[in-house]
Amino acid sequence: MRGNQMEFEAVIGLEVHAQLTTQTKMFCSCSTKFGNPPNTQVCPVCMGLPGVLPVINKKAVEYALRLALALGCKINFVSVMARKNYFYPDLPKGYQISQYELPIAEGGAVEIEINGQKKKINLVRIHMEEDAGKLIHDEKQPYSYVDFNRAGVPLLEIVSKPEISSPEEAVAYLKTLRRIVRYLGICDGNMEEGSLRCDANVSVRPKGSTKFGTKVELKNMNSFKHVERALSYEIKRQIGLLLEGKEIIQETRLYDEATQTTHPMRGKEEAHDYCYFPDPDLIEIQLEEELIENVKTELPELPHVKKQRFLQTYGLTPYEVDILIEEKSLADFFEETVKLYNNPKAISNFMLTEVLRYLNRDGKDIYETNLTSQNLAQLLQLVEKGLISMTIAKQVFPEVYEKGIEPKKIIEERGLIQESSEDKLKSVCEEVLKENPKEVEKYKAGKKGIIGFFVGQVLKKTQGKANPKIVNKILTELLEK
């Protein structure tokens, strides 16, 4: 980052809030289901009414341990829930139950990769807390409504060290973390619904300096695009102020997507402003070695490990592997299919084109559809055996995907078996060449690639039933005469 002969660098630390996929809230039995009518999932405990006593959700503790173990954190066998005191309309108790001095885990790291280069981003801590409610602003009236359904939903806050150097690294870190929590099954990672949210602390300093600049906290970022744009703008804003000899104010700023700028929200609080103290209604959390070992044995293969295994085992490109392992379910489905039909490349090619096209169209997980690994394997085996062409396979696939019908059955009922008889195909090839004299002259003039055009025309005339290899052979023989 250059300006007036001075070069600056950004220093970024992220605080990521991951909403846990437990069935009930952090300290009560209310449902955590998203999207129900406002204020229908509340009780005296999550509303903070006088005289109620919270009870910690054991499953939330286990989920916290999953992430801590996956990221190589130091587990604290004793941790404490604390009250974080501040007033906000969607915080019914007037304080949030969180952790401060004794969190459940410390240290650990997230390894990111950008353009083939790996970098380790170390963590400060992972701690448990409860979510606040949600304010809904009326665009037509000067009113705001409060929905307390989200109040008390379990959260993990993952705090990184200020070791992120650019908006691109920040996005890579977030994407990596999102993939990990989804693999672990502890968070759905849906940023639009707010189940994965991010605050950023960002400052700039002269390149090579070891002294931190004045940090600014950024809030209101609910997508990877927002994070990248907000950080990019804020870095430029701070560099501009320094070049003008102005002071950077430590504050909290909001990102405005409409203008792609940040603007002040409030002065930045420090830890002492929240008056943390241990929650007197909750006893300290004491972990047993047996529980930690049980959680450890249940950890799935993590994305970075799966990536290396896929590269070594299946002979796929890094690009293919990155897409296949993005969702654990997609990677699992791929491997199920490989067990039935040992052709990883063919399966990968079909999944990354046809299968993903329909999954993206429907916004579904692959296991939410009627597609089975048995049917996909059978479809691709029919292509390999020459019984159908890939063109026919793609025509048949929608019914296989949507209705779960066996490919062989569709092909037999519709009479789609591939035509491989040279005698029958030769007349069609001759017809195509006769109808396209100009293209024939181009071929004879040295433009050999045009044979693909002729093959396409033959397939069109035979409604995709012609065997492309046989057609290519016949056309080559006819054109070379």
Protein backbone atom coordinates (compact mmCIF):
# COMPACT_ATOMS: atom_id res chain seq x y z
CA MET A 1 0.00 0.00 0.00
CA ARG A 2 1.88 3.05 -1.30
CA GLY A 3 1.29 6.73 -0.96
CA ASN A 4 3.63 9.73 -1.05
CA GLN A 5 6.68 7.43 -1.02
CA MET A 6 5.51 5.82 2.23
CA GLU A 7 4.40 2.20 2.23
CA PHE A 8 1.83 0.93 4.73
CA GLU A 9 0.66 -2.48 5.81
CA ALA A 10 -2.62 -3.57 7.33
CA VAL A 11 -2.93 -5.46 10.61
CA ILE A 12 -6.20 -7.35 10.96
CA GLY A 13 -7.67 -9.52 13.71
CA LEU A 14 -11.05 -11.23 13.33
CA GLU A 15 -13.66 -12.13 15.91
CA VAL A 16 -15.93 -14.76 14.39
CA HIS A 17 -19.23 -15.73 16.02
CA ALA A 18 -20.43 -19.22 15.12
CA GLN A 19 -24.01 -20.01 16.12
CA LEU A 20 -24.17 -23.63 17.27
CA THR A 21 -26.64 -26.12 15.80
CA THR A 22 -27.86 -27.45 19.14
CA GLN A 23 -31.59 -28.18 19.36
CA THR A 24 -32.03 -25.95 22.41
CA LYS A 25 -30.61 -22.69 23.71
CA MET A 26 -27.52 -22.18 25.85
CA PHE A 27 -29.22 -21.99 29.24
CA CYS A 28 -32.83 -23.13 28.70
CA SER A 29 -34.87 -25.66 26.72
CA CYS A 30 -36.29 -23.22 24.13
CA SER A 31 -35.88 -24.23 20.49
CA THR A 32 -33.12 -22.69 18.37
CA LYS A 33 -35.00 -23.23 15.08
CA PHE A 34 -34.53 -20.36 12.61
CA GLY A 35 -37.41 -18.58 10.90
CA ASN A 36 -40.32 -19.13 13.30
CA PRO A 37 -42.67 -16.20 14.09
CA PRO A 38 -41.08 -13.55 16.34
CA ASN A 39 -41.03 -14.15 20.09
CA THR A 40 -42.47 -17.68 19.89
CA GLN A 41 -39.30 -19.39 21.18
CA VAL A 42 -38.85 -17.63 24.51
CA CYS A 43 -39.22 -18.45 28.21
CA PRO A 44 -38.52 -16.71 31.53
CA VAL A 45 -34.88 -17.88 31.43
CA CYS A 46 -33.88 -16.49 28.01
CA MET A 47 -36.01 -13.39 28.67
CA GLY A 48 -34.03 -12.79 31.86
CA LEU A 49 -37.03 -12.51 34.17
CA PRO A 50 -36.33 -12.12 37.91
CA GLY A 51 -35.71 -15.29 39.90
CA VAL A 52 -34.84 -17.63 37.00
CA LEU A 53 -31.78 -19.88 37.03
CA PRO A 54 -29.86 -20.78 33.86
CA VAL A 55 -28.51 -24.30 33.28
CA ILE A 56 -25.66 -24.78 30.80
CA ASN A 57 -26.25 -26.84 27.63
CA LYS A 58 -23.89 -29.85 27.73
CA LYS A 59 -24.09 -30.32 23.94
CA ALA A 60 -22.84 -26.74 23.43
CA VAL A 61 -19.80 -27.55 25.59
CA GLU A 62 -19.12 -30.68 23.49
CA TYR A 63 -19.41 -28.63 20.28
CA ALA A 64 -16.93 -26.10 21.68
CA LEU A 65 -14.54 -28.96 22.42
CA ARG A 66 -14.90 -30.28 18.86
CA LEU A 67 -13.72 -27.00 17.40
CA ALA A 68 -10.99 -26.49 20.00
CA LEU A 69 -9.55 -29.95 19.33
CA ALA A 70 -9.83 -29.54 15.55
CA LEU A 71 -7.85 -26.28 15.70
CA GLY A 72 -5.21 -27.57 18.11
CA CYS A 73 -6.20 -25.37 21.04
CA LYS A 74 -5.23 -25.82 24.66
CA ILE A 75 -8.32 -27.03 26.52
CA ASN A 76 -8.93 -25.48 29.91
CA PHE A 77 -10.22 -28.18 32.26
CA VAL A 78 -11.85 -25.45 34.35
CA SER A 79 -13.62 -22.53 32.69
CA VAL A 80 -16.04 -19.91 33.99
CA MET A 81 -19.12 -18.20 32.59
CA ALA A 82 -19.08 -14.45 33.17
CA ARG A 83 -21.54 -11.60 32.91
CA LYS A 84 -20.70 -9.01 30.26
CA ASN A 85 -22.68 -5.93 31.24
CA TYR A 86 -24.05 -3.54 28.66
CA PHE A 87 -27.46 -2.22 27.64
CA TYR A 88 -28.99 -2.80 24.24
CA PRO A 89 -32.68 -3.19 23.33
CA ASP A 90 -32.28 -6.81 22.18
CA LEU A 91 -30.43 -7.89 25.35
CA PRO A 92 -33.28 -8.63 27.79
CA LYS A 93 -31.16 -9.26 30.91
CA GLY A 94 -29.04 -6.12 30.54
CA TYR A 95 -25.99 -8.39 30.38
CA GLN A 96 -24.73 -11.23 28.19
CA ILE A 97 -23.47 -14.51 29.64
CA SER A 98 -20.07 -15.05 28.07
CA GLN A 99 -16.54 -16.03 29.11
CA TYR A 100 -13.62 -13.75 29.82
CA GLU A 101 -10.68 -14.62 32.09
CA LEU A 102 -11.16 -18.39 31.92
CA PRO A 103 -12.44 -19.40 28.46
CA ILE A 104 -12.92 -23.01 27.44
CA ALA A 105 -9.92 -22.97 25.06
CA GLU A 106 -6.87 -20.88 24.21
CA GLY A 107 -4.29 -20.85 21.41
CA GLY A 108 -4.60 -23.02 18.32
CA ALA A 109 -4.46 -21.88 14.71
CA VAL A 110 -6.24 -21.81 11.35
CA GLU A 111 -4.11 -22.56 8.29
CA ILE A 112 -5.17 -20.70 5.16
CA GLU A 113 -4.07 -21.04 1.55
CA ILE A 114 -3.95 -18.28 -1.09
CA ASN A 115 -2.61 -18.90 -4.58
CA GLY A 116 -0.91 -22.08 -3.41
CA GLN A 117 0.82 -20.32 -0.50
CA LYS A 118 0.00 -21.47 3.04
CA LYS A 119 -0.09 -19.25 6.10
CA LYS A 120 -0.93 -20.03 9.72
CA ILE A 121 -3.20 -17.58 11.56
CA ASN A 122 -2.81 -18.14 15.31
CA LEU A 123 -5.76 -17.84 17.68
CA VAL A 124 -6.05 -16.07 21.01
CA ARG A 125 -9.02 -18.01 22.35
CA ILE A 126 -12.32 -19.74 21.74
CA HIS A 127 -15.04 -18.99 24.23
CA MET A 128 -18.72 -19.80 24.72
CA GLU A 129 -21.50 -17.29 25.06
CA GLU A 130 -25.16 -16.67 24.30
CA ASP A 131 -26.55 -14.68 21.39
CA ALA A 132 -28.62 -11.54 21.74
CA GLY A 133 -32.05 -11.00 20.19
CA LYS A 134 -32.59 -9.25 16.88
CA LEU A 135 -33.79 -5.73 16.07
CA ILE A 136 -36.05 -5.37 13.05
CA HIS A 137 -36.24 -1.83 11.74
CA ASP A 138 -39.41 -0.52 10.11
CA GLU A 139 -38.44 1.25 6.88
CA LYS A 140 -41.70 3.22 6.72
CA GLN A 141 -42.12 4.15 10.39
CA PRO A 142 -39.57 5.45 12.93
CA TYR A 143 -39.92 2.21 14.90
CA SER A 144 -37.82 -0.85 15.64
CA TYR A 145 -39.20 -4.20 16.75
CA VAL A 146 -37.43 -6.75 18.92
CA ASP A 147 -37.48 -10.49 18.24
CA PHE A 148 -36.11 -12.47 21.20
CA ASN A 149 -36.17 -15.87 19.47
CA ARG A 150 -32.40 -15.65 18.97
CA ALA A 151 -31.69 -14.51 22.54
CA GLY A 152 -29.86 -17.29 24.35
CA VAL A 153 -28.85 -19.29 21.25
CA PRO A 154 -25.38 -20.81 21.88
CA LEU A 155 -22.43 -19.07 20.24
CA LEU A 156 -18.73 -19.73 19.97
CA GLU A 157 -16.50 -16.71 19.55
CA ILE A 158 -13.23 -17.47 17.78
CA VAL A 159 -10.70 -14.67 18.29
CA SER A 160 -7.65 -14.55 16.02
CA LYS A 161 -4.36 -12.83 16.72
CA PRO A 162 -3.73 -9.70 14.59
CA GLU A 163 -1.82 -11.72 11.99
CA ILE A 164 -4.03 -11.20 8.93
CA SER A 165 -2.41 -8.84 6.42
CA SER A 166 -5.03 -8.19 3.73
CA PRO A 167 -8.76 -8.39 2.95
CA GLU A 168 -8.01 -11.43 0.75
CA GLU A 169 -6.38 -13.25 3.68
CA ALA A 170 -9.34 -12.34 5.89
CA VAL A 171 -11.78 -13.91 3.41
CA ALA A 172 -9.58 -17.03 3.06
CA TYR A 173 -9.52 -17.33 6.87
CA LEU A 174 -13.30 -17.01 7.10
CA LYS A 175 -13.93 -19.52 4.32
CA THR A 176 -11.54 -22.01 5.93
CA LEU A 177 -13.16 -21.60 9.33
CA ARG A 178 -16.65 -21.91 7.84
CA ARG A 179 -15.69 -25.15 6.10
CA ILE A 180 -14.27 -26.56 9.34
CA VAL A 181 -17.33 -25.78 11.51
CA ARG A 182 -19.59 -27.29 8.85
CA TYR A 183 -17.47 -30.44 8.65
CA LEU A 184 -17.63 -30.72 12.43
CA GLY A 185 -21.42 -30.40 12.30
CA ILE A 186 -21.50 -27.65 14.92
CA CYS A 187 -22.63 -24.66 12.79
CA ASP A 188 -24.42 -24.43 9.44
CA GLY A 189 -22.25 -21.46 8.43
CA ASN A 190 -25.17 -19.55 6.90
CA MET A 191 -23.94 -15.95 6.93
CA GLU A 192 -27.17 -14.53 5.49
CA GLU A 193 -29.15 -15.95 8.41
CA GLY A 194 -26.53 -14.68 10.84
CA SER A 195 -25.34 -18.07 12.06
CA LEU A 196 -21.77 -17.10 11.12
CA ARG A 197 -20.88 -13.47 11.74
CA CYS A 198 -17.67 -11.54 11.79
CA ASP A 199 -16.28 -8.42 13.47
CA ALA A 200 -12.87 -7.15 12.43
CA ASN A 201 -10.24 -5.08 14.22
CA VAL A 202 -8.13 -3.29 11.64
CA SER A 203 -5.24 -0.84 11.82
CA VAL A 204 -2.43 0.29 9.52
CA ARG A 205 1.21 1.09 10.17
CA PRO A 206 4.34 1.92 8.18
CA LYS A 207 5.64 -1.26 6.58
CA GLY A 208 8.33 -2.86 8.73
CA SER A 209 7.14 -1.19 11.93
CA THR A 210 6.46 -3.44 14.94
CA LYS A 211 4.25 -0.90 16.69
CA PHE A 212 0.50 -1.33 16.21
CA GLY A 213 -1.55 1.55 14.87
CA THR A 214 -4.88 2.70 16.33
CA LYS A 215 -7.39 -0.06 15.71
CA VAL A 216 -10.93 0.37 14.48
CA GLU A 217 -13.62 -2.27 14.93
CA LEU A 218 -15.85 -3.06 11.93
CA LYS A 219 -19.32 -4.55 12.39
CA ASN A 220 -22.31 -5.43 10.21
CA MET A 221 -20.53 -7.78 7.80
CA ASN A 222 -22.61 -10.80 6.84
CA SER A 223 -20.93 -12.08 3.68
CA PHE A 224 -17.44 -12.73 2.35
CA LYS A 225 -17.94 -9.92 -0.14
CA HIS A 226 -18.88 -7.48 2.63
CA VAL A 227 -15.81 -8.42 4.66
CA GLU A 228 -13.48 -7.88 1.72
CA ARG A 229 -15.06 -4.58 0.68
CA ALA A 230 -15.33 -3.19 4.22
CA LEU A 231 -11.71 -3.98 5.03
CA SER A 232 -10.47 -2.60 1.70
CA TYR A 233 -12.32 0.67 2.27
CA GLU A 234 -11.25 0.99 5.90
CA ILE A 235 -7.57 0.37 5.12
CA LYS A 236 -7.62 3.07 2.42
CA ARG A 237 -9.48 5.45 4.75
CA GLN A 238 -6.92 5.04 7.53
CA ILE A 239 -3.94 5.42 5.18
CA GLY A 240 -5.52 8.59 3.80
CA LEU A 241 -5.87 10.05 7.29
CA LEU A 242 -2.24 9.28 8.15
CA LEU A 243 -0.96 10.85 4.94
CA GLU A 244 -2.92 13.98 5.76
CA GLY A 245 -1.38 14.07 9.23
CA LYS A 246 -4.73 13.37 10.92
CA GLU A 247 -5.43 11.16 13.91
CA ILE A 248 -7.25 7.83 13.63
CA ILE A 249 -9.95 7.56 16.28
CA GLN A 250 -10.45 4.24 18.08
CA GLU A 251 -14.10 3.51 17.46
CA THR A 252 -16.65 0.99 16.21
CA ARG A 253 -17.79 1.53 12.62
CA LEU A 254 -20.57 -0.03 10.55
CA TYR A 255 -20.24 -1.16 6.95
CA ASP A 256 -22.82 0.24 4.51
CA GLU A 257 -23.16 -2.01 1.46
CA ALA A 258 -25.14 0.63 -0.48
CA THR A 259 -22.21 3.07 -0.46
CA GLN A 260 -19.50 0.44 0.20
CA THR A 261 -18.13 2.65 2.96
CA THR A 262 -17.87 2.51 6.74
CA HIS A 263 -19.27 5.09 9.15
CA PRO A 264 -18.99 5.65 12.93
CA MET A 265 -21.34 3.75 15.24
CA ARG A 266 -19.90 4.43 18.71
CA GLY A 267 -16.67 4.77 20.65
CA LYS A 268 -14.88 1.44 21.08
CA GLU A 269 -15.40 -0.17 24.47
CA GLU A 270 -12.57 -1.80 26.39
CA ALA A 271 -12.95 -4.94 28.51
CA HIS A 272 -13.23 -2.91 31.73
CA ASP A 273 -16.22 -1.03 30.29
CA TYR A 274 -18.21 -4.27 30.42
CA CYS A 275 -17.50 -4.87 34.14
CA TYR A 276 -16.99 -8.62 33.67
CA PHE A 277 -17.51 -10.80 36.74
CA PRO A 278 -18.25 -14.55 37.19
CA ASP A 279 -21.95 -15.31 36.83
CA PRO A 280 -23.15 -16.18 40.36
CA ASP A 281 -25.96 -18.38 38.99
CA LEU A 282 -23.62 -20.73 37.11
CA ILE A 283 -21.00 -23.01 38.63
CA GLU A 284 -17.61 -23.33 36.95
CA ILE A 285 -17.35 -25.83 34.09
CA GLN A 286 -15.13 -28.74 35.04
CA LEU A 287 -14.14 -31.02 32.17
CA GLU A 288 -13.14 -34.65 32.55
CA GLU A 289 -10.41 -36.28 30.47
CA GLU A 290 -12.86 -38.98 29.40
CA LEU A 291 -15.24 -36.45 27.82
CA ILE A 292 -12.41 -34.80 25.88
CA GLU A 293 -11.16 -38.18 24.63
CA ASN A 294 -14.67 -39.18 23.54
CA VAL A 295 -15.07 -35.95 21.58
CA LYS A 296 -11.63 -36.42 20.03
CA THR A 297 -12.44 -39.94 18.78
CA GLU A 298 -15.61 -38.67 17.10
CA LEU A 299 -13.89 -35.92 15.11
CA PRO A 300 -14.33 -36.33 11.33
CA GLU A 301 -11.53 -36.08 8.80
CA LEU A 302 -10.89 -32.35 8.49
CA PRO A 303 -10.97 -30.53 5.12
CA HIS A 304 -7.21 -29.96 4.74
CA VAL A 305 -6.50 -33.63 5.50
CA LYS A 306 -9.21 -34.75 3.09
CA LYS A 307 -7.78 -32.50 0.39
CA GLN A 308 -4.34 -34.09 0.58
CA ARG A 309 -5.83 -37.58 0.56
CA PHE A 310 -8.02 -36.83 -2.46
CA LEU A 311 -5.03 -35.40 -4.37
CA GLN A 312 -2.89 -38.44 -3.62
CA THR A 313 -5.57 -41.12 -4.01
CA TYR A 314 -7.73 -40.02 -6.91
CA GLY A 315 -5.37 -38.18 -9.25
CA LEU A 316 -7.60 -35.10 -9.44
CA THR A 317 -6.49 -31.50 -9.90
CA PRO A 318 -6.39 -29.11 -6.88
CA TYR A 319 -9.25 -27.17 -8.51
CA GLU A 320 -11.46 -30.28 -8.69
CA VAL A 321 -10.61 -31.34 -5.16
CA ASP A 322 -11.31 -27.88 -3.71
CA ILE A 323 -14.86 -27.99 -5.10
CA LEU A 324 -15.52 -31.60 -4.11
CA ILE A 325 -14.43 -31.11 -0.49
CA GLU A 326 -16.17 -27.75 0.02
CA GLU A 327 -19.17 -29.66 1.36
CA LYS A 328 -18.54 -32.81 3.40
CA SER A 329 -21.68 -34.41 1.95
CA LEU A 330 -20.46 -33.88 -1.62
CA ALA A 331 -17.07 -35.42 -0.80
CA ASP A 332 -18.76 -38.39 0.91
CA PHE A 333 -21.08 -38.94 -2.06
CA PHE A 334 -18.11 -38.85 -4.44
CA GLU A 335 -16.29 -41.53 -2.46
CA GLU A 336 -19.41 -43.70 -2.24
CA THR A 337 -19.68 -43.56 -6.03
CA VAL A 338 -15.98 -44.35 -6.54
CA LYS A 339 -16.43 -47.55 -4.49
CA LEU A 340 -19.10 -48.66 -6.98
CA TYR A 341 -17.38 -47.43 -10.15
CA ASN A 342 -13.61 -47.01 -9.96
CA ASN A 343 -13.24 -44.05 -12.30
CA PRO A 344 -12.64 -40.96 -10.09
CA LYS A 345 -11.99 -38.62 -13.02
CA ALA A 346 -15.24 -39.46 -14.82
CA ILE A 347 -17.23 -39.17 -11.59
CA SER A 348 -15.58 -35.86 -10.70
CA ASN A 349 -16.23 -34.40 -14.15
CA PHE A 350 -19.91 -35.33 -14.05
CA MET A 351 -20.41 -34.16 -10.47
CA LEU A 352 -18.72 -30.80 -11.03
CA THR A 353 -20.89 -30.09 -14.08
CA GLU A 354 -24.26 -31.84 -14.15
CA VAL A 355 -24.74 -32.70 -10.47
CA LEU A 356 -23.66 -29.30 -9.11
CA ARG A 357 -25.78 -27.50 -11.69
CA TYR A 358 -28.94 -29.10 -10.29
CA LEU A 359 -27.86 -28.78 -6.65
CA ASN A 360 -27.21 -25.05 -7.14
CA ARG A 361 -30.50 -24.64 -8.96
CA ASP A 362 -32.44 -26.24 -6.11
CA GLY A 363 -30.28 -24.97 -3.24
CA LYS A 364 -30.12 -28.50 -1.84
CA ASP A 365 -27.61 -30.77 -0.17
CA ILE A 366 -26.90 -33.83 -2.33
CA TYR A 367 -28.47 -36.13 0.29
CA GLU A 368 -31.69 -34.11 0.16
CA THR A 369 -32.24 -35.20 -3.44
CA ASN A 370 -33.32 -38.52 -4.99
CA LEU A 371 -29.92 -39.06 -6.59
CA THR A 372 -28.08 -42.12 -5.28
CA SER A 373 -24.46 -43.12 -5.71
CA GLN A 374 -25.67 -46.42 -7.18
CA ASN A 375 -27.60 -44.67 -9.96
CA LEU A 376 -24.78 -42.23 -10.76
CA ALA A 377 -22.28 -45.09 -10.94
CA GLN A 378 -24.59 -47.08 -13.21
CA LEU A 379 -25.14 -44.11 -15.53
CA LEU A 380 -21.41 -43.54 -16.02
CA GLN A 381 -20.75 -47.27 -16.45
CA LEU A 382 -23.28 -47.33 -19.30
CA VAL A 383 -21.28 -44.56 -20.99
CA GLU A 384 -17.99 -46.41 -20.49
CA LYS A 385 -19.45 -49.63 -21.96
CA GLY A 386 -20.57 -47.73 -25.05
CA LEU A 387 -24.24 -48.48 -24.47
CA ILE A 388 -25.08 -44.77 -24.35
CA SER A 389 -23.24 -41.57 -25.24
CA MET A 390 -22.45 -38.82 -22.75
CA THR A 391 -25.07 -36.74 -24.59
CA ILE A 392 -27.73 -39.33 -23.74
CA ALA A 393 -26.40 -39.58 -20.18
CA LYS A 394 -26.96 -35.84 -19.72
CA GLN A 395 -30.47 -36.12 -21.22
CA VAL A 396 -31.36 -38.96 -18.86
CA PHE A 397 -29.79 -37.45 -15.75
CA PRO A 398 -32.64 -35.05 -14.77
CA GLU A 399 -35.01 -37.99 -14.20
CA VAL A 400 -32.33 -39.93 -12.34
CA TYR A 401 -31.73 -36.89 -10.12
CA GLU A 402 -35.33 -35.76 -9.60
CA LYS A 403 -37.19 -39.08 -9.46
CA GLY A 404 -34.50 -41.56 -8.42
CA ILE A 405 -35.22 -43.79 -11.42
CA GLU A 406 -32.58 -46.34 -12.39
CA PRO A 407 -30.75 -45.11 -15.55
CA LYS A 408 -30.87 -48.54 -17.23
CA LYS A 409 -34.65 -48.60 -16.92
CA ILE A 410 -35.07 -45.17 -18.57
CA ILE A 411 -32.73 -46.09 -21.41
CA GLU A 412 -34.47 -49.40 -22.14
CA GLU A 413 -37.96 -47.89 -22.00
CA ARG A 414 -37.05 -45.07 -24.38
CA GLY A 415 -34.91 -47.14 -26.72
CA LEU A 416 -31.84 -44.96 -26.15
CA ILE A 417 -29.20 -47.66 -26.55
CA GLN A 418 -26.26 -46.24 -28.49
CA GLU A 419 -25.94 -47.09 -32.18
CA SER A 420 -22.50 -48.54 -32.91
CA SER A 421 -23.14 -50.27 -36.23
CA GLU A 422 -20.70 -48.85 -38.81
CA ASP A 423 -23.00 -49.81 -41.68
CA LYS A 424 -25.93 -47.88 -40.21
CA LEU A 425 -23.84 -44.85 -39.22
CA LYS A 426 -21.90 -44.58 -42.49
CA SER A 427 -24.95 -43.43 -44.48
CA VAL A 428 -25.68 -40.71 -41.88
CA CYS A 429 -22.06 -39.53 -42.00
CA GLU A 430 -22.15 -39.37 -45.80
CA GLU A 431 -25.36 -37.37 -45.61
CA VAL A 432 -23.81 -34.84 -43.19
CA LEU A 433 -20.73 -34.35 -45.41
CA LYS A 434 -22.92 -33.89 -48.48
CA GLU A 435 -24.96 -31.20 -46.70
CA ASN A 436 -21.87 -29.23 -45.60
CA PRO A 437 -19.53 -28.88 -48.62
CA LYS A 438 -17.90 -25.64 -47.37
CA GLU A 439 -16.91 -27.27 -44.07
CA VAL A 440 -15.55 -30.28 -46.01
CA GLU A 441 -13.30 -27.93 -48.02
CA LYS A 442 -12.05 -26.31 -44.79
CA TYR A 443 -11.13 -29.75 -43.43
CA LYS A 444 -9.27 -30.63 -46.60
CA ALA A 445 -7.47 -27.28 -46.42
CA GLY A 446 -5.99 -28.33 -43.08
CA LYS A 447 -8.60 -27.27 -40.54
CA LYS A 448 -8.81 -30.73 -38.93
CA GLY A 449 -10.58 -29.53 -35.77
CA ILE A 450 -13.77 -29.02 -37.76
CA ILE A 451 -14.41 -32.75 -37.52
CA GLY A 452 -16.06 -32.00 -34.18
CA PHE A 453 -18.72 -30.05 -36.09
CA PHE A 454 -19.46 -33.07 -38.28
CA VAL A 455 -19.68 -35.40 -35.26
CA GLY A 456 -22.16 -32.98 -33.68
CA GLN A 457 -24.31 -32.99 -36.79
CA VAL A 458 -24.40 -36.80 -36.87
CA LEU A 459 -25.36 -36.90 -33.19
CA LYS A 460 -28.10 -34.39 -33.90
CA LYS A 461 -29.52 -36.49 -36.73
CA THR A 462 -29.45 -39.64 -34.59
CA GLN A 463 -30.89 -37.85 -31.53
CA GLY A 464 -27.66 -38.48 -29.63
CA LYS A 465 -27.73 -42.26 -30.15
CA ALA A 466 -24.67 -42.49 -32.40
CA ASN A 467 -21.44 -43.73 -30.83
CA PRO A 468 -19.12 -40.68 -31.12
CA LYS A 469 -15.95 -42.80 -31.38
CA ILE A 470 -17.35 -44.85 -34.29
CA VAL A 471 -18.68 -41.66 -35.94
CA ASN A 472 -15.29 -39.97 -35.63
CA LYS A 473 -13.59 -43.00 -37.20
CA ILE A 474 -16.04 -43.15 -40.14
CA LEU A 475 -15.87 -39.39 -40.79
CA THR A 476 -12.06 -39.42 -40.76
CA GLU A 477 -12.00 -42.29 -43.29
CA LEU A 478 -14.51 -40.53 -45.57
CA LEU A 479 -12.75 -37.16 -45.40
CA GLU A 480 -9.30 -38.59 -46.01
CA LYS A 481 -10.36 -40.38 -49.22
